[in-house]
Amino acid sequence: MTRFSVIDLSQLPPPEVIKTLDVEAIITEAKAQYAALYPEFTADLESEPLVKLMEANAVREMNIRAQVNDEARAVLLAFAQGNNLDHLGANFSVARRQIDPGDADATPPIPATYEDDPTFLRRIQLSPEALSVAGSRGGYIFNALSAGETPLSMDVESTEPGKLVVTYEFPEEGFSALIKDADAYKTQAGSLDVIIMGWEGSGVPNAQTLQTVEAYLSGDYVRPMCDGPTIRPVEPITYSLDITLEVQDGPEAPIILSAAQAAVEAYTLAQHKIGRRITASSLDAAATVSGVEKVRLSGFVDIEPARHQTAYCTGITMVVEVLDD
């Protein structure tokens, strides 16, 4: 059994701090409480002003409860997004990586681009693995994803009694923003492969990125002395999609096509990670947006990448076929 286990947050039971909202239950509770104070009270008519006041207050109370639920979700890894996730990352000393600095001097200004929430969340979950001194798989993955944020080398020198000089060597540019995904696995005793995937195109990183990761993972503070990591680029499996949507006749066909196209693109992008499967059933589910009667995939076979591969979609051709009445 290994220490490395990234919890699938979607499989956790609902947190007890999140309460179920039911406005009718709140109204019933208010009526019962009022009746206990004033036994002569009856709520036979829904149109009575007092009943309407209770209903209005119940809606306000439900909105407050909903706000409390949202605030509770904001401090849970499974639900936190945006700045809230940034603050949770700070608890682990993990910051969101900058993908592109943008251009503040452009007209209009181009804002900086940062890594998305799912990628950032994964690094937060992996960060405790970096504390391992035994070269855990999770530790190698986290350090590969974070290469360039910490020094390539460190030297400590005593120049005079009671004084230490600590020298850090950082890469000229931060490379972690170029790394989308990573994986590590043992090939034989004392040897392991670290697979690196970039953000651009099919995911194959350039030689400079691989060299930077190799230099970083070879540091004495990262790599155990008995480990010999080999840094390898991910191997892409390219595929394209030919999809036909069967829909009923009507003016909504272009809207349906646009929604289905966006949904399938989002699925292929989310699955563009090391070892992620691409299945016909998932493509069918993604394309089956409101208004789609049936999805037909032409010539597609499920893609099962190995642990050093990634599935990369090179194009999506999607057409609508209107059904006869």
Protein backbone atom coordinates (compact mmCIF):
# COMPACT_ATOMS: atom_id res chain seq x y z
CA MET A 1 0.00 0.00 0.00
CA THR A 2 1.39 3.43 -0.91
CA ARG A 3 0.93 6.78 0.75
CA PHE A 4 0.06 8.41 -2.56
CA SER A 5 -3.71 8.62 -2.97
CA VAL A 6 -5.39 11.68 -4.44
CA ILE A 7 -8.95 11.59 -3.15
CA ASP A 8 -11.70 11.84 -5.75
CA LEU A 9 -13.62 14.69 -4.16
CA SER A 10 -16.70 13.98 -6.29
CA GLN A 11 -17.10 10.63 -4.52
CA LEU A 12 -17.21 12.09 -1.01
CA PRO A 13 -20.61 12.11 0.75
CA PRO A 14 -22.33 15.49 0.96
CA PRO A 15 -20.89 17.52 3.85
CA GLU A 16 -23.22 17.79 6.83
CA VAL A 17 -22.56 21.52 7.07
CA ILE A 18 -24.53 21.97 3.82
CA LYS A 19 -28.20 22.03 4.76
CA THR A 20 -31.15 21.09 2.54
CA LEU A 21 -33.33 24.07 1.63
CA ASP A 22 -37.10 23.65 1.88
CA VAL A 23 -39.22 26.80 2.05
CA GLU A 24 -42.42 24.84 2.76
CA ALA A 25 -40.79 23.23 5.81
CA ILE A 26 -39.77 26.68 7.08
CA ILE A 27 -43.35 27.96 6.65
CA THR A 28 -44.78 24.93 8.46
CA GLU A 29 -42.30 25.43 11.30
CA ALA A 30 -43.23 29.13 11.58
CA LYS A 31 -46.96 28.34 11.70
CA ALA A 32 -46.42 25.71 14.39
CA GLN A 33 -44.31 28.07 16.49
CA TYR A 34 -46.87 30.86 16.20
CA ALA A 35 -49.74 28.49 17.04
CA ALA A 36 -47.87 27.39 20.18
CA LEU A 37 -47.71 31.02 21.31
CA TYR A 38 -51.27 31.84 20.27
CA PRO A 39 -53.46 28.70 20.40
CA GLU A 40 -56.43 30.59 18.95
CA PHE A 41 -54.48 31.16 15.74
CA THR A 42 -55.61 29.25 12.65
CA ALA A 43 -54.09 29.39 9.20
CA ASP A 44 -57.07 28.11 7.27
CA LEU A 45 -56.81 30.78 4.57
CA GLU A 46 -53.61 31.22 2.60
CA SER A 47 -54.72 34.76 1.82
CA GLU A 48 -54.58 35.92 5.44
CA PRO A 49 -52.06 38.76 5.87
CA LEU A 50 -50.28 36.95 8.72
CA VAL A 51 -49.81 33.85 6.57
CA LYS A 52 -48.43 35.97 3.73
CA LEU A 53 -46.02 37.61 6.17
CA MET A 54 -44.84 34.17 7.29
CA GLU A 55 -44.31 33.12 3.68
CA ALA A 56 -42.31 36.26 2.93
CA ASN A 57 -40.14 35.75 6.01
CA ALA A 58 -39.67 32.07 5.09
CA VAL A 59 -38.29 33.05 1.68
CA ARG A 60 -35.90 35.52 3.33
CA GLU A 61 -34.78 32.84 5.80
CA MET A 62 -34.22 30.34 3.00
CA ASN A 63 -32.09 32.88 1.12
CA ILE A 64 -29.97 33.40 4.24
CA ARG A 65 -29.57 29.64 4.64
CA ALA A 66 -28.54 29.40 0.98
CA GLN A 67 -25.92 32.10 1.57
CA VAL A 68 -24.59 30.16 4.58
CA ASN A 69 -24.39 27.04 2.39
CA ASP A 70 -22.41 28.96 -0.24
CA GLU A 71 -20.04 30.32 2.40
CA ALA A 72 -19.49 26.82 3.78
CA ARG A 73 -18.75 25.46 0.29
CA ALA A 74 -16.22 28.25 -0.26
CA VAL A 75 -13.89 26.78 2.39
CA LEU A 76 -14.11 23.17 1.17
CA LEU A 77 -11.69 21.89 -1.48
CA ALA A 78 -14.47 19.99 -3.24
CA PHE A 79 -16.44 23.18 -3.92
CA ALA A 80 -14.07 26.17 -3.69
CA GLN A 81 -13.46 28.15 -6.87
CA GLY A 82 -11.53 31.20 -7.95
CA ASN A 83 -10.13 33.36 -5.16
CA ASN A 84 -11.56 31.04 -2.51
CA LEU A 85 -9.47 28.20 -3.93
CA ASP A 86 -6.43 30.51 -3.94
CA HIS A 87 -6.84 31.01 -0.19
CA LEU A 88 -7.14 27.26 0.41
CA GLY A 89 -3.98 26.77 -1.65
CA ALA A 90 -2.22 29.28 0.60
CA ASN A 91 -2.83 26.89 3.52
CA PHE A 92 -0.50 24.46 1.70
CA SER A 93 1.90 27.19 0.43
CA VAL A 94 0.75 26.48 -3.14
CA ALA A 95 0.02 29.43 -5.43
CA ARG A 96 -1.90 29.45 -8.70
CA ARG A 97 0.53 29.38 -11.65
CA GLN A 98 0.55 32.16 -14.23
CA ILE A 99 0.21 30.75 -17.76
CA ASP A 100 0.55 34.06 -19.63
CA PRO A 101 1.51 37.44 -18.11
CA GLY A 102 -0.73 39.33 -20.52
CA ASP A 103 0.08 42.88 -21.56
CA ALA A 104 -0.98 45.80 -19.38
CA ASP A 105 0.28 48.28 -21.99
CA ALA A 106 -1.85 46.89 -24.83
CA THR A 107 -5.04 48.61 -26.00
CA PRO A 108 -7.24 47.31 -24.56
CA PRO A 109 -5.06 45.79 -21.80
CA ILE A 110 -4.66 42.01 -21.99
CA PRO A 111 -5.15 40.44 -18.56
CA ALA A 112 -2.86 37.72 -17.26
CA THR A 113 -3.97 34.10 -17.69
CA TYR A 114 -3.71 31.66 -14.80
CA GLU A 115 -4.10 27.90 -14.51
CA ASP A 116 -7.69 26.71 -14.22
CA ASP A 117 -9.32 25.54 -11.00
CA PRO A 118 -9.16 21.75 -11.67
CA THR A 119 -5.41 21.87 -12.42
CA PHE A 120 -4.71 24.08 -9.42
CA LEU A 121 -6.85 21.85 -7.18
CA ARG A 122 -4.85 18.78 -8.20
CA ARG A 123 -1.57 20.46 -7.26
CA ILE A 124 -3.02 21.46 -3.89
CA GLN A 125 -4.01 17.86 -3.23
CA LEU A 126 -0.57 16.63 -4.29
CA SER A 127 1.40 19.19 -2.27
CA PRO A 128 1.73 17.08 0.92
CA GLU A 129 3.55 14.48 -1.20
CA ALA A 130 6.39 16.97 -1.65
CA LEU A 131 7.17 16.49 2.05
CA SER A 132 8.12 12.87 1.43
CA VAL A 133 11.83 12.08 1.67
CA ALA A 134 11.47 8.65 0.06
CA GLY A 135 10.69 9.66 -3.52
CA SER A 136 6.95 8.94 -3.62
CA ARG A 137 5.12 8.92 -6.95
CA GLY A 138 2.95 11.82 -5.82
CA GLY A 139 6.03 13.76 -4.77
CA TYR A 140 7.60 13.40 -8.21
CA ILE A 141 4.34 14.46 -9.89
CA PHE A 142 3.95 17.52 -7.67
CA ASN A 143 7.57 18.58 -8.12
CA ALA A 144 7.36 18.08 -11.89
CA LEU A 145 4.24 20.25 -12.02
CA SER A 146 5.95 22.88 -9.86
CA ALA A 147 9.36 22.96 -11.59
CA GLY A 148 10.60 26.51 -12.02
CA GLU A 149 8.77 27.86 -8.97
CA THR A 150 11.56 26.73 -6.66
CA PRO A 151 15.34 26.89 -7.12
CA LEU A 152 17.28 24.58 -9.41
CA SER A 153 20.11 24.44 -6.89
CA MET A 154 21.02 25.72 -3.45
CA ASP A 155 24.40 26.26 -1.82
CA VAL A 156 25.24 27.10 1.80
CA GLU A 157 28.58 28.69 2.60
CA SER A 158 30.02 29.90 5.89
CA THR A 159 32.04 33.02 5.10
CA GLU A 160 32.88 33.82 8.71
CA PRO A 161 32.04 32.48 12.16
CA GLY A 162 28.38 32.89 12.98
CA LYS A 163 27.41 33.82 9.42
CA LEU A 164 25.93 31.71 6.61
CA VAL A 165 25.40 32.67 2.98
CA VAL A 166 22.63 30.76 1.22
CA THR A 167 22.67 30.95 -2.60
CA TYR A 168 19.68 29.89 -4.71
CA GLU A 169 19.78 29.38 -8.47
CA PHE A 170 16.46 29.93 -10.22
CA PRO A 171 15.70 29.33 -13.90
CA GLU A 172 15.66 32.46 -16.02
CA GLU A 173 11.98 31.88 -16.71
CA GLY A 174 9.35 30.05 -14.73
CA PHE A 175 8.57 26.80 -16.54
CA SER A 176 5.82 25.42 -14.34
CA ALA A 177 3.25 27.39 -16.33
CA LEU A 178 4.26 25.36 -19.39
CA ILE A 179 3.49 22.02 -17.72
CA LYS A 180 -0.12 20.87 -17.89
CA ASP A 181 0.21 17.37 -16.47
CA ALA A 182 2.79 14.89 -15.22
CA ASP A 183 3.01 11.29 -14.09
CA ALA A 184 5.73 9.06 -12.67
CA TYR A 185 6.17 5.31 -12.45
CA LYS A 186 8.96 2.90 -11.62
CA THR A 187 10.53 1.03 -14.54
CA GLN A 188 12.95 -1.05 -12.48
CA ALA A 189 14.66 -0.93 -9.10
CA GLY A 190 16.17 2.53 -8.61
CA SER A 191 14.83 3.87 -11.93
CA LEU A 192 11.64 5.66 -12.86
CA ASP A 193 10.14 7.52 -15.78
CA VAL A 194 8.61 10.96 -15.28
CA ILE A 195 6.20 11.86 -18.08
CA ILE A 196 5.77 15.56 -18.85
CA MET A 197 2.88 17.08 -20.78
CA GLY A 198 2.70 20.71 -21.93
CA TRP A 199 -0.23 23.05 -22.46
CA GLU A 200 0.25 23.81 -26.14
CA GLY A 201 -0.95 21.69 -29.05
CA SER A 202 -0.85 17.95 -28.57
CA GLY A 203 0.90 18.33 -25.22
CA VAL A 204 4.45 17.41 -26.27
CA PRO A 205 6.76 19.81 -24.37
CA ASN A 206 9.83 21.38 -25.94
CA ALA A 207 13.38 20.28 -25.12
CA GLN A 208 14.04 23.30 -22.91
CA THR A 209 11.09 22.48 -20.66
CA LEU A 210 12.22 18.86 -20.35
CA GLN A 211 15.75 19.97 -19.47
CA THR A 212 14.45 22.32 -16.79
CA VAL A 213 12.29 19.62 -15.23
CA GLU A 214 15.21 17.19 -15.33
CA ALA A 215 17.51 19.69 -13.62
CA TYR A 216 14.91 20.42 -10.97
CA LEU A 217 14.06 16.78 -10.21
CA SER A 218 17.75 15.91 -10.05
CA GLY A 219 18.31 18.34 -7.17
CA ASP A 220 19.51 16.74 -3.94
CA TYR A 221 16.55 18.25 -2.07
CA VAL A 222 14.05 16.54 -4.42
CA ARG A 223 15.54 13.25 -5.61
CA PRO A 224 16.53 10.51 -3.18
CA MET A 225 20.14 9.41 -3.75
CA CYS A 226 19.08 5.93 -4.90
CA ASP A 227 16.64 7.19 -7.56
CA GLY A 228 17.45 7.72 -11.23
CA PRO A 229 14.54 9.60 -12.87
CA THR A 230 14.32 9.77 -16.66
CA ILE A 231 12.29 12.70 -17.98
CA ARG A 232 10.21 11.83 -21.05
CA PRO A 233 7.70 13.79 -23.14
CA VAL A 234 4.15 12.54 -23.30
CA GLU A 235 3.23 10.52 -26.39
CA PRO A 236 0.06 11.87 -28.05
CA ILE A 237 -2.60 9.67 -29.61
CA THR A 238 -4.34 11.86 -32.16
CA TYR A 239 -7.95 11.38 -33.15
CA SER A 240 -10.75 13.29 -34.84
CA LEU A 241 -14.50 13.11 -34.42
CA ASP A 242 -17.26 12.86 -37.00
CA ILE A 243 -20.60 13.33 -35.24
CA THR A 244 -24.15 13.49 -36.57
CA LEU A 245 -26.96 14.85 -34.40
CA GLU A 246 -30.53 13.77 -35.08
CA VAL A 247 -32.96 16.55 -34.15
CA GLN A 248 -36.58 17.43 -34.79
CA ASP A 249 -37.44 19.99 -37.46
CA GLY A 250 -37.49 23.55 -36.17
CA PRO A 251 -35.59 26.83 -35.93
CA GLU A 252 -33.57 25.63 -32.92
CA ALA A 253 -31.22 23.39 -34.94
CA PRO A 254 -28.32 25.91 -35.11
CA ILE A 255 -28.60 26.55 -31.36
CA ILE A 256 -28.58 22.83 -30.64
CA LEU A 257 -25.55 22.33 -32.88
CA SER A 258 -23.63 25.12 -31.16
CA ALA A 259 -24.41 23.78 -27.68
CA ALA A 260 -23.44 20.22 -28.60
CA GLN A 261 -20.22 21.39 -30.26
CA ALA A 262 -19.23 23.33 -27.14
CA ALA A 263 -20.05 20.39 -24.86
CA VAL A 264 -17.97 17.92 -26.88
CA GLU A 265 -15.06 20.36 -27.11
CA ALA A 266 -15.17 20.81 -23.33
CA TYR A 267 -15.10 17.04 -22.83
CA THR A 268 -12.14 16.47 -25.16
CA LEU A 269 -10.24 19.33 -23.51
CA ALA A 270 -10.91 18.00 -20.01
CA GLN A 271 -9.72 14.53 -21.06
CA HIS A 272 -6.53 15.87 -22.63
CA LYS A 273 -4.43 14.63 -19.72
CA ILE A 274 -1.99 11.77 -19.27
CA GLY A 275 -3.73 8.39 -19.33
CA ARG A 276 -7.29 9.77 -19.67
CA ARG A 277 -9.71 7.61 -21.69
CA ILE A 278 -11.94 8.85 -24.52
CA THR A 279 -15.08 6.73 -24.74
CA ALA A 280 -18.00 6.64 -27.14
CA SER A 281 -20.46 6.62 -24.24
CA SER A 282 -18.97 9.82 -22.79
CA LEU A 283 -18.95 11.53 -26.20
CA ASP A 284 -22.58 10.49 -26.69
CA ALA A 285 -23.48 11.91 -23.28
CA ALA A 286 -21.67 15.19 -23.97
CA ALA A 287 -23.32 15.67 -27.37
CA THR A 288 -26.80 14.82 -26.09
CA VAL A 289 -27.82 18.35 -25.18
CA SER A 290 -31.42 19.51 -25.01
CA GLY A 291 -33.13 18.89 -28.36
CA VAL A 292 -30.88 16.05 -29.55
CA GLU A 293 -32.81 12.86 -30.27
CA LYS A 294 -29.82 10.67 -31.10
CA VAL A 295 -26.05 10.93 -31.53
CA ARG A 296 -24.18 8.99 -34.23
CA LEU A 297 -20.40 8.62 -34.01
CA SER A 298 -18.80 7.63 -37.29
CA GLY A 299 -15.93 5.16 -37.08
CA PHE A 300 -14.96 5.95 -33.50
CA VAL A 301 -13.36 3.36 -31.21
CA ASP A 302 -12.68 3.94 -27.53
CA ILE A 303 -9.18 5.27 -26.87
CA GLU A 304 -7.27 3.76 -23.94
CA PRO A 305 -3.98 5.66 -23.52
CA ALA A 306 -1.12 4.02 -21.66
CA ARG A 307 0.34 5.82 -18.66
CA HIS A 308 2.84 7.66 -20.89
CA GLN A 309 0.26 8.74 -23.50
CA THR A 310 -2.48 11.31 -23.94
CA ALA A 311 -5.45 11.46 -26.31
CA TYR A 312 -5.44 14.64 -28.41
CA CYS A 313 -8.40 15.70 -30.54
CA THR A 314 -7.31 17.28 -33.82
CA GLY A 315 -10.77 18.25 -35.01
CA ILE A 316 -14.52 17.86 -34.56
CA THR A 317 -16.89 17.66 -37.51
CA MET A 318 -20.49 17.90 -36.35
CA VAL A 319 -23.61 18.13 -38.50
CA VAL A 320 -27.34 18.15 -37.83
CA GLU A 321 -29.76 15.74 -39.47
CA VAL A 322 -33.38 16.85 -39.25
CA LEU A 323 -35.81 14.02 -38.67
CA ASP A 324 -38.93 13.68 -40.78
CA ASP A 325 -42.22 14.06 -38.96
